[in-house]
């Protein structure tokens, strides 16, 4: 049985995010910390690409990101 956190009522999106991450860990047979690291890395890459498209970042800056060639 899962413990109910007080924040669940204050921030329902936190619960949605937790459930999303939990589903990813089940699908990929991984653990929560790895799923979070992977999503943060993907988010950083997406943010860098968006900044590059807007002319706010250079291609050299993109290449310096982990996982980005």
Foldseek 3Di string as FASTA:
>chain_A
DDDDDPCCVVDVVVVVVVVVLVVVCVVVVHDSVVSVVVVVLVVVLVVQVVCVVVVNDDVVVNVPRPPGD
